[in-house]
Amino acid sequence: MYGGQTNYCLANGVRTYVDSDGVTGLATMIKPDGHTCYTIYLTYPSGTGPTTGAIKDPDGAVVMYESDSSDNKTITFICNGVQWVEDGVSCGAGGINAFPFLTVDCPKSTGQMCLRP
């Protein structure tokens, strides 16, 4: 663990822990049963570059790569050698988001379900 730490939770019991130092980050998605679902190894832009995320399964294999444009208008995905761009319209109003932790803050006080194990 390094830098800032943020805990998030979703109504379905999924928890997300994000550790970041402003240059890189690690987001860990935890299933309601406590097992890791996937992790995202993040890099943040220095200047005007994109934010990127290598999405890995519990065994550490990269299953998808995401790159968010510096203007936050498009997301490029690469999966199984295929690249596509999500513009917030093509895949529906909600679009695709591998970062579900951008929605609801999780309580951090003692006794709350979203505390880190």
PDB file of N, CA and C in Angstrom:
ATOM      1  N   MET A   1       0.840  -1.175   0.000  1.00  0.00           N
ATOM      2  CA  MET A   1       0.000   0.000   0.000  1.00  0.00           C
ATOM      3  C   MET A   1       0.891   1.246   0.000  1.00  0.00           C
ATOM      4  N   TYR A   2       0.482   2.230  -0.757  1.00  0.00           N
ATOM      5  CA  TYR A   2       1.287   3.438  -0.844  1.00  0.00           C
ATOM      6  C   TYR A   2       0.393   4.609  -1.209  1.00  0.00           C
ATOM      7  N   GLY A   3       0.862   5.800  -0.939  1.00  0.00           N
ATOM      8  CA  GLY A   3       0.111   6.991  -1.319  1.00  0.00           C
ATOM      9  C   GLY A   3      -1.257   7.035  -0.689  1.00  0.00           C
ATOM     10  N   GLY A   4      -2.235   7.525  -1.473  1.00  0.00           N
ATOM     11  CA  GLY A   4      -3.601   7.620  -0.985  1.00  0.00           C
ATOM     12  C   GLY A   4      -4.347   6.308  -1.130  1.00  0.00           C
ATOM     13  N   GLN A   5      -5.262   6.074  -0.204  1.00  0.00           N
ATOM     14  CA  GLN A   5      -6.091   4.885  -0.247  1.00  0.00           C
ATOM     15  C   GLN A   5      -7.546   5.314  -0.181  1.00  0.00           C
ATOM     16  N   THR A   6      -8.376   4.707  -1.029  1.00  0.00           N
ATOM     17  CA  THR A   6      -9.798   5.013  -1.036  1.00  0.00           C
ATOM     18  C   THR A   6     -10.567   3.710  -1.103  1.00  0.00           C
ATOM     19  N   ASN A   7     -11.622   3.603  -0.300  1.00  0.00           N
ATOM     20  CA  ASN A   7     -12.485   2.426  -0.300  1.00  0.00           C
ATOM     21  C   ASN A   7     -13.825   2.817  -0.909  1.00  0.00           C
ATOM     22  N   TYR A   8     -14.380   1.933  -1.745  1.00  0.00           N
ATOM     23  CA  TYR A   8     -15.702   2.151  -2.337  1.00  0.00           C
ATOM     24  C   TYR A   8     -16.514   0.879  -2.181  1.00  0.00           C
ATOM     25  N   CYS A   9     -17.831   1.016  -2.174  1.00  0.00           N
ATOM     26  CA  CYS A   9     -18.679  -0.172  -2.160  1.00  0.00           C
ATOM     27  C   CYS A   9     -19.888   0.064  -3.048  1.00  0.00           C
ATOM     28  N   LEU A  10     -20.417  -1.038  -3.544  1.00  0.00           N
ATOM     29  CA  LEU A  10     -21.596  -0.987  -4.392  1.00  0.00           C
ATOM     30  C   LEU A  10     -22.737  -1.684  -3.661  1.00  0.00           C
ATOM     31  N   ALA A  11     -23.958  -1.390  -4.029  1.00  0.00           N
ATOM     32  CA  ALA A  11     -25.131  -1.943  -3.366  1.00  0.00           C
ATOM     33  C   ALA A  11     -25.177  -3.468  -3.427  1.00  0.00           C
ATOM     34  N   ASN A  12     -24.542  -4.075  -4.441  1.00  0.00           N
ATOM     35  CA  ASN A  12     -24.567  -5.534  -4.573  1.00  0.00           C
ATOM     36  C   ASN A  12     -23.516  -6.231  -3.716  1.00  0.00           C
ATOM     37  N   GLY A  13     -22.788  -5.491  -2.885  1.00  0.00           N
ATOM     38  CA  GLY A  13     -21.798  -6.086  -1.991  1.00  0.00           C
ATOM     39  C   GLY A  13     -20.382  -6.098  -2.527  1.00  0.00           C
ATOM     40  N   VAL A  14     -20.192  -5.696  -3.778  1.00  0.00           N
ATOM     41  CA  VAL A  14     -18.853  -5.625  -4.351  1.00  0.00           C
ATOM     42  C   VAL A  14     -18.107  -4.464  -3.699  1.00  0.00           C
ATOM     43  N   ARG A  15     -16.846  -4.695  -3.358  1.00  0.00           N
ATOM     44  CA  ARG A  15     -16.001  -3.658  -2.767  1.00  0.00           C
ATOM     45  C   ARG A  15     -14.836  -3.375  -3.683  1.00  0.00           C
ATOM     46  N   THR A  16     -14.375  -2.142  -3.677  1.00  0.00           N
ATOM     47  CA  THR A  16     -13.218  -1.752  -4.468  1.00  0.00           C
ATOM     48  C   THR A  16     -12.278  -0.953  -3.596  1.00  0.00           C
ATOM     49  N   TYR A  17     -11.014  -1.318  -3.649  1.00  0.00           N
ATOM     50  CA  TYR A  17      -9.979  -0.594  -2.937  1.00  0.00           C
ATOM     51  C   TYR A  17      -9.045   0.013  -3.965  1.00  0.00           C
ATOM     52  N   VAL A  18      -8.791   1.305  -3.857  1.00  0.00           N
ATOM     53  CA  VAL A  18      -7.911   1.991  -4.796  1.00  0.00           C
ATOM     54  C   VAL A  18      -6.740   2.584  -4.030  1.00  0.00           C
ATOM     55  N   ASP A  19      -5.536   2.230  -4.459  1.00  0.00           N
ATOM     56  CA  ASP A  19      -4.304   2.782  -3.904  1.00  0.00           C
ATOM     57  C   ASP A  19      -3.640   3.571  -5.015  1.00  0.00           C
ATOM     58  N   SER A  20      -3.241   4.803  -4.714  1.00  0.00           N
ATOM     59  CA  SER A  20      -2.664   5.640  -5.762  1.00  0.00           C
ATOM     60  C   SER A  20      -1.631   6.585  -5.181  1.00  0.00           C
ATOM     61  N   ASP A  21      -0.595   6.834  -5.991  1.00  0.00           N
ATOM     62  CA  ASP A  21       0.401   7.823  -5.592  1.00  0.00           C
ATOM     63  C   ASP A  21       0.421   9.007  -6.548  1.00  0.00           C
ATOM     64  N   GLY A  22      -0.593   9.101  -7.438  1.00  0.00           N
ATOM     65  CA  GLY A  22      -0.675  10.204  -8.383  1.00  0.00           C
ATOM     66  C   GLY A  22      -0.013   9.907  -9.720  1.00  0.00           C
ATOM     67  N   VAL A  23       0.826   8.885  -9.788  1.00  0.00           N
ATOM     68  CA  VAL A  23       1.491   8.491 -11.027  1.00  0.00           C
ATOM     69  C   VAL A  23       0.986   7.119 -11.459  1.00  0.00           C
ATOM     70  N   THR A  24       0.874   6.208 -10.502  1.00  0.00           N
ATOM     71  CA  THR A  24       0.334   4.876 -10.753  1.00  0.00           C
ATOM     72  C   THR A  24      -0.708   4.560  -9.697  1.00  0.00           C
ATOM     73  N   GLY A  25      -1.471   3.522  -9.942  1.00  0.00           N
ATOM     74  CA  GLY A  25      -2.472   3.116  -8.982  1.00  0.00           C
ATOM     75  C   GLY A  25      -2.818   1.651  -9.153  1.00  0.00           C
ATOM     76  N   LEU A  26      -3.482   1.121  -8.152  1.00  0.00           N
ATOM     77  CA  LEU A  26      -3.965  -0.245  -8.184  1.00  0.00           C
ATOM     78  C   LEU A  26      -5.383  -0.239  -7.646  1.00  0.00           C
ATOM     79  N   ALA A  27      -6.325  -0.719  -8.457  1.00  0.00           N
ATOM     80  CA  ALA A  27      -7.709  -0.874  -8.023  1.00  0.00           C
ATOM     81  C   ALA A  27      -7.991  -2.366  -7.931  1.00  0.00           C
ATOM     82  N   THR A  28      -8.507  -2.806  -6.798  1.00  0.00           N
ATOM     83  CA  THR A  28      -8.823  -4.210  -6.590  1.00  0.00           C
ATOM     84  C   THR A  28     -10.316  -4.350  -6.366  1.00  0.00           C
ATOM     85  N   MET A  29     -10.990  -5.132  -7.235  1.00  0.00           N
ATOM     86  CA  MET A  29     -12.417  -5.380  -7.111  1.00  0.00           C
ATOM     87  C   MET A  29     -12.616  -6.689  -6.370  1.00  0.00           C
ATOM     88  N   ILE A  30     -13.352  -6.639  -5.258  1.00  0.00           N
ATOM     89  CA  ILE A  30     -13.575  -7.794  -4.410  1.00  0.00           C
ATOM     90  C   ILE A  30     -15.047  -8.211  -4.501  1.00  0.00           C
ATOM     91  N   LYS A  31     -15.281  -9.499  -4.756  1.00  0.00           N
ATOM     92  CA  LYS A  31     -16.637 -10.039  -4.811  1.00  0.00           C
ATOM     93  C   LYS A  31     -17.264  -9.986  -3.417  1.00  0.00           C
ATOM     94  N   PRO A  32     -18.598 -10.078  -3.327  1.00  0.00           N
ATOM     95  CA  PRO A  32     -19.243 -10.094  -2.017  1.00  0.00           C
ATOM     96  C   PRO A  32     -18.740 -11.211  -1.103  1.00  0.00           C
ATOM     97  N   ASP A  33     -18.246 -12.329  -1.693  1.00  0.00           N
ATOM     98  CA  ASP A  33     -17.748 -13.434  -0.872  1.00  0.00           C
ATOM     99  C   ASP A  33     -16.309 -13.226  -0.401  1.00  0.00           C
ATOM    100  N   GLY A  34     -15.691 -12.081  -0.772  1.00  0.00           N
ATOM    101  CA  GLY A  34     -14.347 -11.756  -0.312  1.00  0.00           C
ATOM    102  C   GLY A  34     -13.230 -12.132  -1.271  1.00  0.00           C
ATOM    103  N   HIS A  35     -13.529 -12.820  -2.360  1.00  0.00           N
ATOM    104  CA  HIS A  35     -12.516 -13.193  -3.336  1.00  0.00           C
ATOM    105  C   HIS A  35     -12.288 -12.066  -4.338  1.00  0.00           C
ATOM    106  N   THR A  36     -11.046 -11.957  -4.823  1.00  0.00           N
ATOM    107  CA  THR A  36     -10.726 -10.946  -5.830  1.00  0.00           C
ATOM    108  C   THR A  36     -11.372 -11.318  -7.153  1.00  0.00           C
ATOM    109  N   CYS A  37     -12.064 -10.354  -7.747  1.00  0.00           N
ATOM    110  CA  CYS A  37     -12.678 -10.548  -9.059  1.00  0.00           C
ATOM    111  C   CYS A  37     -11.674 -10.156 -10.138  1.00  0.00           C
ATOM    112  N   TYR A  38     -11.142  -8.932 -10.052  1.00  0.00           N
ATOM    113  CA  TYR A  38     -10.100  -8.479 -10.966  1.00  0.00           C
ATOM    114  C   TYR A  38      -9.386  -7.284 -10.373  1.00  0.00           C
ATOM    115  N   THR A  39      -8.244  -6.961 -10.956  1.00  0.00           N
ATOM    116  CA  THR A  39      -7.470  -5.791 -10.539  1.00  0.00           C
ATOM    117  C   THR A  39      -7.218  -4.929 -11.769  1.00  0.00           C
ATOM    118  N   ILE A  40      -7.013  -3.651 -11.524  1.00  0.00           N
ATOM    119  CA  ILE A  40      -6.678  -2.727 -12.598  1.00  0.00           C
ATOM    120  C   ILE A  40      -5.408  -1.997 -12.198  1.00  0.00           C
ATOM    121  N   TYR A  41      -4.367  -2.152 -13.007  1.00  0.00           N
ATOM    122  CA  TYR A  41      -3.114  -1.448 -12.786  1.00  0.00           C
ATOM    123  C   TYR A  41      -3.189  -0.152 -13.585  1.00  0.00           C
ATOM    124  N   LEU A  42      -3.223   0.966 -12.895  1.00  0.00           N
ATOM    125  CA  LEU A  42      -3.469   2.275 -13.499  1.00  0.00           C
ATOM    126  C   LEU A  42      -2.193   3.076 -13.688  1.00  0.00           C
ATOM    127  N   THR A  43      -2.173   3.860 -14.746  1.00  0.00           N
ATOM    128  CA  THR A  43      -1.141   4.880 -14.923  1.00  0.00           C
ATOM    129  C   THR A  43      -1.859   6.190 -15.201  1.00  0.00           C
ATOM    130  N   TYR A  44      -1.394   7.237 -14.572  1.00  0.00           N
ATOM    131  CA  TYR A  44      -2.001   8.549 -14.724  1.00  0.00           C
ATOM    132  C   TYR A  44      -1.112   9.427 -15.584  1.00  0.00           C
ATOM    133  N   PRO A  45      -1.714  10.298 -16.372  1.00  0.00           N
ATOM    134  CA  PRO A  45      -0.929  11.113 -17.300  1.00  0.00           C
ATOM    135  C   PRO A  45      -0.038  12.126 -16.595  1.00  0.00           C
ATOM    136  N   SER A  46       1.079  12.362 -17.224  1.00  0.00           N
ATOM    137  CA  SER A  46       1.923  13.477 -16.795  1.00  0.00           C
ATOM    138  C   SER A  46       1.754  14.527 -17.888  1.00  0.00           C
ATOM    139  N   GLY A  47       0.930  15.497 -17.628  1.00  0.00           N
ATOM    140  CA  GLY A  47       0.620  16.492 -18.650  1.00  0.00           C
ATOM    141  C   GLY A  47      -0.703  16.192 -19.311  1.00  0.00           C
ATOM    142  N   THR A  48      -0.675  15.880 -20.618  1.00  0.00           N
ATOM    143  CA  THR A  48      -1.923  15.706 -21.349  1.00  0.00           C
ATOM    144  C   THR A  48      -2.163  14.284 -21.834  1.00  0.00           C
ATOM    145  N   GLY A  49      -1.406  13.315 -21.372  1.00  0.00           N
ATOM    146  CA  GLY A  49      -1.572  11.945 -21.837  1.00  0.00           C
ATOM    147  C   GLY A  49      -2.814  11.279 -21.278  1.00  0.00           C
ATOM    148  N   PRO A  50      -3.134  10.087 -21.788  1.00  0.00           N
ATOM    149  CA  PRO A  50      -4.323   9.380 -21.317  1.00  0.00           C
ATOM    150  C   PRO A  50      -4.076   8.629 -20.008  1.00  0.00           C
ATOM    151  N   THR A  51      -5.155   8.372 -19.277  1.00  0.00           N
ATOM    152  CA  THR A  51      -5.112   7.465 -18.142  1.00  0.00           C
ATOM    153  C   THR A  51      -5.289   6.065 -18.705  1.00  0.00           C
ATOM    154  N   THR A  52      -4.473   5.113 -18.257  1.00  0.00           N
ATOM    155  CA  THR A  52      -4.577   3.760 -18.773  1.00  0.00           C
ATOM    156  C   THR A  52      -4.826   2.777 -17.643  1.00  0.00           C
ATOM    157  N   GLY A  53      -5.404   1.646 -18.008  1.00  0.00           N
ATOM    158  CA  GLY A  53      -5.650   0.599 -17.036  1.00  0.00           C
ATOM    159  C   GLY A  53      -5.477  -0.766 -17.656  1.00  0.00           C
ATOM    160  N   ALA A  54      -4.587  -1.568 -17.097  1.00  0.00           N
ATOM    161  CA  ALA A  54      -4.427  -2.963 -17.511  1.00  0.00           C
ATOM    162  C   ALA A  54      -5.281  -3.786 -16.558  1.00  0.00           C
ATOM    163  N   ILE A  55      -6.339  -4.368 -17.082  1.00  0.00           N
ATOM    164  CA  ILE A  55      -7.288  -5.118 -16.268  1.00  0.00           C
ATOM    165  C   ILE A  55      -6.836  -6.576 -16.249  1.00  0.00           C
ATOM    166  N   LYS A  56      -6.607  -7.098 -15.024  1.00  0.00           N
ATOM    167  CA  LYS A  56      -6.037  -8.442 -14.879  1.00  0.00           C
ATOM    168  C   LYS A  56      -6.983  -9.342 -14.093  1.00  0.00           C
ATOM    169  N   ASP A  57      -6.994 -10.624 -14.477  1.00  0.00           N
ATOM    170  CA  ASP A  57      -7.789 -11.605 -13.743  1.00  0.00           C
ATOM    171  C   ASP A  57      -7.063 -11.966 -12.443  1.00  0.00           C
ATOM    172  N   PRO A  58      -7.683 -12.784 -11.579  1.00  0.00           N
ATOM    173  CA  PRO A  58      -7.039 -13.122 -10.296  1.00  0.00           C
ATOM    174  C   PRO A  58      -5.683 -13.801 -10.430  1.00  0.00           C
ATOM    175  N   ASP A  59      -5.405 -14.414 -11.593  1.00  0.00           N
ATOM    176  CA  ASP A  59      -4.111 -15.066 -11.813  1.00  0.00           C
ATOM    177  C   ASP A  59      -3.058 -14.112 -12.358  1.00  0.00           C
ATOM    178  N   GLY A  60      -3.433 -12.841 -12.612  1.00  0.00           N
ATOM    179  CA  GLY A  60      -2.482 -11.843 -13.089  1.00  0.00           C
ATOM    180  C   GLY A  60      -2.396 -11.707 -14.595  1.00  0.00           C
ATOM    181  N   ALA A  61      -3.226 -12.439 -15.328  1.00  0.00           N
ATOM    182  CA  ALA A  61      -3.211 -12.342 -16.793  1.00  0.00           C
ATOM    183  C   ALA A  61      -4.019 -11.117 -17.232  1.00  0.00           C
ATOM    184  N   VAL A  62      -3.474 -10.326 -18.161  1.00  0.00           N
ATOM    185  CA  VAL A  62      -4.191  -9.161 -18.676  1.00  0.00           C
ATOM    186  C   VAL A  62      -5.341  -9.656 -19.553  1.00  0.00           C
ATOM    187  N   VAL A  63      -6.566  -9.249 -19.213  1.00  0.00           N
ATOM    188  CA  VAL A  63      -7.733  -9.651 -19.994  1.00  0.00           C
ATOM    189  C   VAL A  63      -8.268  -8.505 -20.849  1.00  0.00           C
ATOM    190  N   MET A  64      -7.925  -7.286 -20.474  1.00  0.00           N
ATOM    191  CA  MET A  64      -8.358  -6.135 -21.261  1.00  0.00           C
ATOM    192  C   MET A  64      -7.482  -4.948 -20.895  1.00  0.00           C
ATOM    193  N   TYR A  65      -7.321  -4.068 -21.839  1.00  0.00           N
ATOM    194  CA  TYR A  65      -6.546  -2.851 -21.639  1.00  0.00           C
ATOM    195  C   TYR A  65      -7.463  -1.669 -21.958  1.00  0.00           C
ATOM    196  N   GLU A  66      -7.463  -0.674 -21.100  1.00  0.00           N
ATOM    197  CA  GLU A  66      -8.301   0.509 -21.289  1.00  0.00           C
ATOM    198  C   GLU A  66      -7.442   1.760 -21.291  1.00  0.00           C
ATOM    199  N   SER A  67      -7.766   2.680 -22.180  1.00  0.00           N
ATOM    200  CA  SER A  67      -7.080   3.971 -22.243  1.00  0.00           C
ATOM    201  C   SER A  67      -8.133   5.063 -22.362  1.00  0.00           C
ATOM    202  N   ASP A  68      -8.168   5.963 -21.386  1.00  0.00           N
ATOM    203  CA  ASP A  68      -9.132   7.071 -21.375  1.00  0.00           C
ATOM    204  C   ASP A  68      -8.469   8.304 -21.957  1.00  0.00           C
ATOM    205  N   SER A  69      -9.131   8.927 -22.926  1.00  0.00           N
ATOM    206  CA  SER A  69      -8.546  10.106 -23.568  1.00  0.00           C
ATOM    207  C   SER A  69      -8.361  11.224 -22.549  1.00  0.00           C
ATOM    208  N   SER A  70      -7.400  12.078 -22.811  1.00  0.00           N
ATOM    209  CA  SER A  70      -7.106  13.167 -21.870  1.00  0.00           C
ATOM    210  C   SER A  70      -8.270  14.148 -21.748  1.00  0.00           C
ATOM    211  N   ASP A  71      -9.155  14.196 -22.754  1.00  0.00           N
ATOM    212  CA  ASP A  71     -10.324  15.088 -22.658  1.00  0.00           C
ATOM    213  C   ASP A  71     -11.538  14.376 -22.054  1.00  0.00           C
ATOM    214  N   ASN A  72     -11.360  13.104 -21.641  1.00  0.00           N
ATOM    215  CA  ASN A  72     -12.413  12.297 -21.018  1.00  0.00           C
ATOM    216  C   ASN A  72     -13.638  12.091 -21.897  1.00  0.00           C
ATOM    217  N   LYS A  73     -13.464  12.133 -23.211  1.00  0.00           N
ATOM    218  CA  LYS A  73     -14.601  11.964 -24.111  1.00  0.00           C
ATOM    219  C   LYS A  73     -14.665  10.575 -24.738  1.00  0.00           C
ATOM    220  N   THR A  74     -13.553   9.868 -24.788  1.00  0.00           N
ATOM    221  CA  THR A  74     -13.549   8.528 -25.372  1.00  0.00           C
ATOM    222  C   THR A  74     -12.701   7.575 -24.546  1.00  0.00           C
ATOM    223  N   ILE A  75     -13.071   6.315 -24.609  1.00  0.00           N
ATOM    224  CA  ILE A  75     -12.318   5.254 -23.957  1.00  0.00           C
ATOM    225  C   ILE A  75     -11.985   4.234 -25.033  1.00  0.00           C
ATOM    226  N   THR A  76     -10.734   3.847 -25.123  1.00  0.00           N
ATOM    227  CA  THR A  76     -10.312   2.826 -26.075  1.00  0.00           C
ATOM    228  C   THR A  76     -10.031   1.544 -25.309  1.00  0.00           C
ATOM    229  N   PHE A  77     -10.607   0.437 -25.790  1.00  0.00           N
ATOM    230  CA  PHE A  77     -10.404  -0.867 -25.183  1.00  0.00           C
ATOM    231  C   PHE A  77      -9.651  -1.765 -26.146  1.00  0.00           C
ATOM    232  N   ILE A  78      -8.809  -2.624 -25.607  1.00  0.00           N
ATOM    233  CA  ILE A  78      -8.157  -3.670 -26.392  1.00  0.00           C
ATOM    234  C   ILE A  78      -8.391  -4.979 -25.642  1.00  0.00           C
ATOM    235  N   CYS A  79      -9.016  -5.925 -26.336  1.00  0.00           N
ATOM    236  CA  CYS A  79      -9.315  -7.218 -25.733  1.00  0.00           C
ATOM    237  C   CYS A  79      -9.180  -8.292 -26.797  1.00  0.00           C
ATOM    238  N   ASN A  80      -8.429  -9.348 -26.500  1.00  0.00           N
ATOM    239  CA  ASN A  80      -8.193 -10.435 -27.457  1.00  0.00           C
ATOM    240  C   ASN A  80      -7.697  -9.922 -28.799  1.00  0.00           C
ATOM    241  N   GLY A  81      -6.844  -8.912 -28.777  1.00  0.00           N
ATOM    242  CA  GLY A  81      -6.266  -8.374 -30.000  1.00  0.00           C
ATOM    243  C   GLY A  81      -7.189  -7.472 -30.797  1.00  0.00           C
ATOM    244  N   VAL A  82      -8.387  -7.229 -30.283  1.00  0.00           N
ATOM    245  CA  VAL A  82      -9.348  -6.370 -30.972  1.00  0.00           C
ATOM    246  C   VAL A  82      -9.440  -5.042 -30.224  1.00  0.00           C
ATOM    247  N   GLN A  83      -9.425  -3.954 -30.962  1.00  0.00           N
ATOM    248  CA  GLN A  83      -9.530  -2.618 -30.363  1.00  0.00           C
ATOM    249  C   GLN A  83     -10.852  -1.988 -30.776  1.00  0.00           C
ATOM    250  N   TRP A  84     -11.504  -1.346 -29.814  1.00  0.00           N
ATOM    251  CA  TRP A  84     -12.689  -0.571 -30.141  1.00  0.00           C
ATOM    252  C   TRP A  84     -12.733   0.661 -29.259  1.00  0.00           C
ATOM    253  N   VAL A  85     -13.499   1.650 -29.697  1.00  0.00           N
ATOM    254  CA  VAL A  85     -13.591   2.927 -28.985  1.00  0.00           C
ATOM    255  C   VAL A  85     -15.009   3.113 -28.479  1.00  0.00           C
ATOM    256  N   GLU A  86     -15.116   3.418 -27.220  1.00  0.00           N
ATOM    257  CA  GLU A  86     -16.406   3.729 -26.593  1.00  0.00           C
ATOM    258  C   GLU A  86     -16.503   5.244 -26.505  1.00  0.00           C
ATOM    259  N   ASP A  87     -17.482   5.794 -27.168  1.00  0.00           N
ATOM    260  CA  ASP A  87     -17.642   7.253 -27.192  1.00  0.00           C
ATOM    261  C   ASP A  87     -18.773   7.742 -26.304  1.00  0.00           C
ATOM    262  N   GLY A  88     -19.326   6.855 -25.471  1.00  0.00           N
ATOM    263  CA  GLY A  88     -20.424   7.242 -24.594  1.00  0.00           C
ATOM    264  C   GLY A  88     -21.777   7.180 -25.274  1.00  0.00           C
ATOM    265  N   VAL A  89     -21.798   6.830 -26.559  1.00  0.00           N
ATOM    266  CA  VAL A  89     -23.041   6.753 -27.314  1.00  0.00           C
ATOM    267  C   VAL A  89     -23.200   5.362 -27.937  1.00  0.00           C
ATOM    268  N   SER A  90     -22.149   4.860 -28.541  1.00  0.00           N
ATOM    269  CA  SER A  90     -22.206   3.611 -29.303  1.00  0.00           C
ATOM    270  C   SER A  90     -22.692   2.424 -28.475  1.00  0.00           C
ATOM    271  N   CYS A  91     -22.297   2.339 -27.228  1.00  0.00           N
ATOM    272  CA  CYS A  91     -22.673   1.211 -26.374  1.00  0.00           C
ATOM    273  C   CYS A  91     -23.821   1.569 -25.440  1.00  0.00           C
ATOM    274  N   GLY A  92     -24.546   2.617 -25.728  1.00  0.00           N
ATOM    275  CA  GLY A  92     -25.659   3.031 -24.883  1.00  0.00           C
ATOM    276  C   GLY A  92     -25.285   4.227 -24.038  1.00  0.00           C
ATOM    277  N   ALA A  93     -26.288   4.810 -23.427  1.00  0.00           N
ATOM    278  CA  ALA A  93     -26.083   6.032 -22.647  1.00  0.00           C
ATOM    279  C   ALA A  93     -25.096   5.842 -21.510  1.00  0.00           C
ATOM    280  N   GLY A  94     -25.141   4.681 -20.858  1.00  0.00           N
ATOM    281  CA  GLY A  94     -24.233   4.428 -19.749  1.00  0.00           C
ATOM    282  C   GLY A  94     -22.835   4.089 -20.190  1.00  0.00           C
ATOM    283  N   GLY A  95     -22.704   3.595 -21.420  1.00  0.00           N
ATOM    284  CA  GLY A  95     -21.399   3.212 -21.927  1.00  0.00           C
ATOM    285  C   GLY A  95     -20.813   2.039 -21.168  1.00  0.00           C
ATOM    286  N   ILE A  96     -19.550   1.805 -21.380  1.00  0.00           N
ATOM    287  CA  ILE A  96     -18.810   0.735 -20.722  1.00  0.00           C
ATOM    288  C   ILE A  96     -17.880   1.369 -19.711  1.00  0.00           C
ATOM    289  N   ASN A  97     -17.784   0.771 -18.535  1.00  0.00           N
ATOM    290  CA  ASN A  97     -16.895   1.312 -17.520  1.00  0.00           C
ATOM    291  C   ASN A  97     -16.297   0.178 -16.718  1.00  0.00           C
ATOM    292  N   ALA A  98     -14.993  -0.009 -16.829  1.00  0.00           N
ATOM    293  CA  ALA A  98     -14.312  -1.032 -16.037  1.00  0.00           C
ATOM    294  C   ALA A  98     -13.953  -0.514 -14.657  1.00  0.00           C
ATOM    295  N   PHE A  99     -14.266   0.746 -14.405  1.00  0.00           N
ATOM    296  CA  PHE A  99     -13.927   1.384 -13.141  1.00  0.00           C
ATOM    297  C   PHE A  99     -15.195   1.685 -12.352  1.00  0.00           C
ATOM    298  N   PRO A 100     -15.864   0.675 -11.772  1.00  0.00           N
ATOM    299  CA  PRO A 100     -17.132   0.915 -11.083  1.00  0.00           C
ATOM    300  C   PRO A 100     -16.979   1.709  -9.801  1.00  0.00           C
ATOM    301  N   PHE A 101     -15.758   1.917  -9.356  1.00  0.00           N
ATOM    302  CA  PHE A 101     -15.546   2.619  -8.104  1.00  0.00           C
ATOM    303  C   PHE A 101     -15.740   4.114  -8.233  1.00  0.00           C
ATOM    304  N   LEU A 102     -16.085   4.607  -9.393  1.00  0.00           N
ATOM    305  CA  LEU A 102     -16.289   6.043  -9.575  1.00  0.00           C
ATOM    306  C   LEU A 102     -17.699   6.458  -9.197  1.00  0.00           C
ATOM    307  N   THR A 103     -18.444   5.582  -8.499  1.00  0.00           N
ATOM    308  CA  THR A 103     -19.845   5.870  -8.247  1.00  0.00           C
ATOM    309  C   THR A 103     -20.154   6.242  -6.804  1.00  0.00           C
ATOM    310  N   VAL A 104     -19.917   5.362  -5.867  1.00  0.00           N
ATOM    311  CA  VAL A 104     -20.391   5.588  -4.503  1.00  0.00           C
ATOM    312  C   VAL A 104     -19.250   5.457  -3.506  1.00  0.00           C
ATOM    313  N   ASP A 105     -19.088   6.431  -2.637  1.00  0.00           N
ATOM    314  CA  ASP A 105     -18.090   6.337  -1.580  1.00  0.00           C
ATOM    315  C   ASP A 105     -18.497   5.293  -0.562  1.00  0.00           C
ATOM    316  N   CYS A 106     -17.515   4.650  -0.002  1.00  0.00           N
ATOM    317  CA  CYS A 106     -17.756   3.624   0.995  1.00  0.00           C
ATOM    318  C   CYS A 106     -17.362   4.150   2.377  1.00  0.00           C
ATOM    319  N   PRO A 107     -18.149   3.809   3.398  1.00  0.00           N
ATOM    320  CA  PRO A 107     -17.766   4.219   4.755  1.00  0.00           C
ATOM    321  C   PRO A 107     -16.405   3.658   5.136  1.00  0.00           C
ATOM    322  N   LYS A 108     -15.649   4.403   5.896  1.00  0.00           N
ATOM    323  CA  LYS A 108     -14.315   3.959   6.290  1.00  0.00           C
ATOM    324  C   LYS A 108     -14.204   3.716   7.796  1.00  0.00           C
ATOM    325  N   SER A 109     -15.281   3.913   8.522  1.00  0.00           N
ATOM    326  CA  SER A 109     -15.195   3.814   9.975  1.00  0.00           C
ATOM    327  C   SER A 109     -15.181   2.357  10.432  1.00  0.00           C
ATOM    328  N   THR A 110     -14.721   2.124  11.646  1.00  0.00           N
ATOM    329  CA  THR A 110     -14.623   0.789  12.208  1.00  0.00           C
ATOM    330  C   THR A 110     -15.989   0.104  12.180  1.00  0.00           C
ATOM    331  N   GLY A 111     -15.974  -1.172  11.754  1.00  0.00           N
ATOM    332  CA  GLY A 111     -17.210  -1.951  11.740  1.00  0.00           C
ATOM    333  C   GLY A 111     -17.962  -1.899  10.430  1.00  0.00           C
ATOM    334  N   GLN A 112     -17.511  -1.106   9.486  1.00  0.00           N
ATOM    335  CA  GLN A 112     -18.215  -1.023   8.203  1.00  0.00           C
ATOM    336  C   GLN A 112     -17.733  -2.130   7.274  1.00  0.00           C
ATOM    337  N   MET A 113     -18.637  -2.636   6.414  1.00  0.00           N
ATOM    338  CA  MET A 113     -18.317  -3.774   5.565  1.00  0.00           C
ATOM    339  C   MET A 113     -17.240  -3.489   4.538  1.00  0.00           C
ATOM    340  N   CYS A 114     -16.992  -2.242   4.242  1.00  0.00           N
ATOM    341  CA  CYS A 114     -16.039  -1.927   3.169  1.00  0.00           C
ATOM    342  C   CYS A 114     -14.631  -1.634   3.654  1.00  0.00           C
ATOM    343  N   LEU A 115     -14.393  -1.821   4.921  1.00  0.00           N
ATOM    344  CA  LEU A 115     -13.022  -1.660   5.385  1.00  0.00           C
ATOM    345  C   LEU A 115     -12.138  -2.711   4.723  1.00  0.00           C
ATOM    346  N   ARG A 116     -10.888  -2.377   4.546  1.00  0.00           N
ATOM    347  CA  ARG A 116      -9.954  -3.343   3.970  1.00  0.00           C
ATOM    348  C   ARG A 116      -9.751  -4.515   4.914  1.00  0.00           C
ATOM    349  N   PRO A 117      -9.620  -5.707   4.314  1.00  0.00           N
ATOM    350  CA  PRO A 117      -9.395  -6.891   5.177  1.00  0.00           C
ATOM    351  C   PRO A 117      -8.060  -6.785   5.893  1.00  0.00           C
TER     352      PRO A 117
END
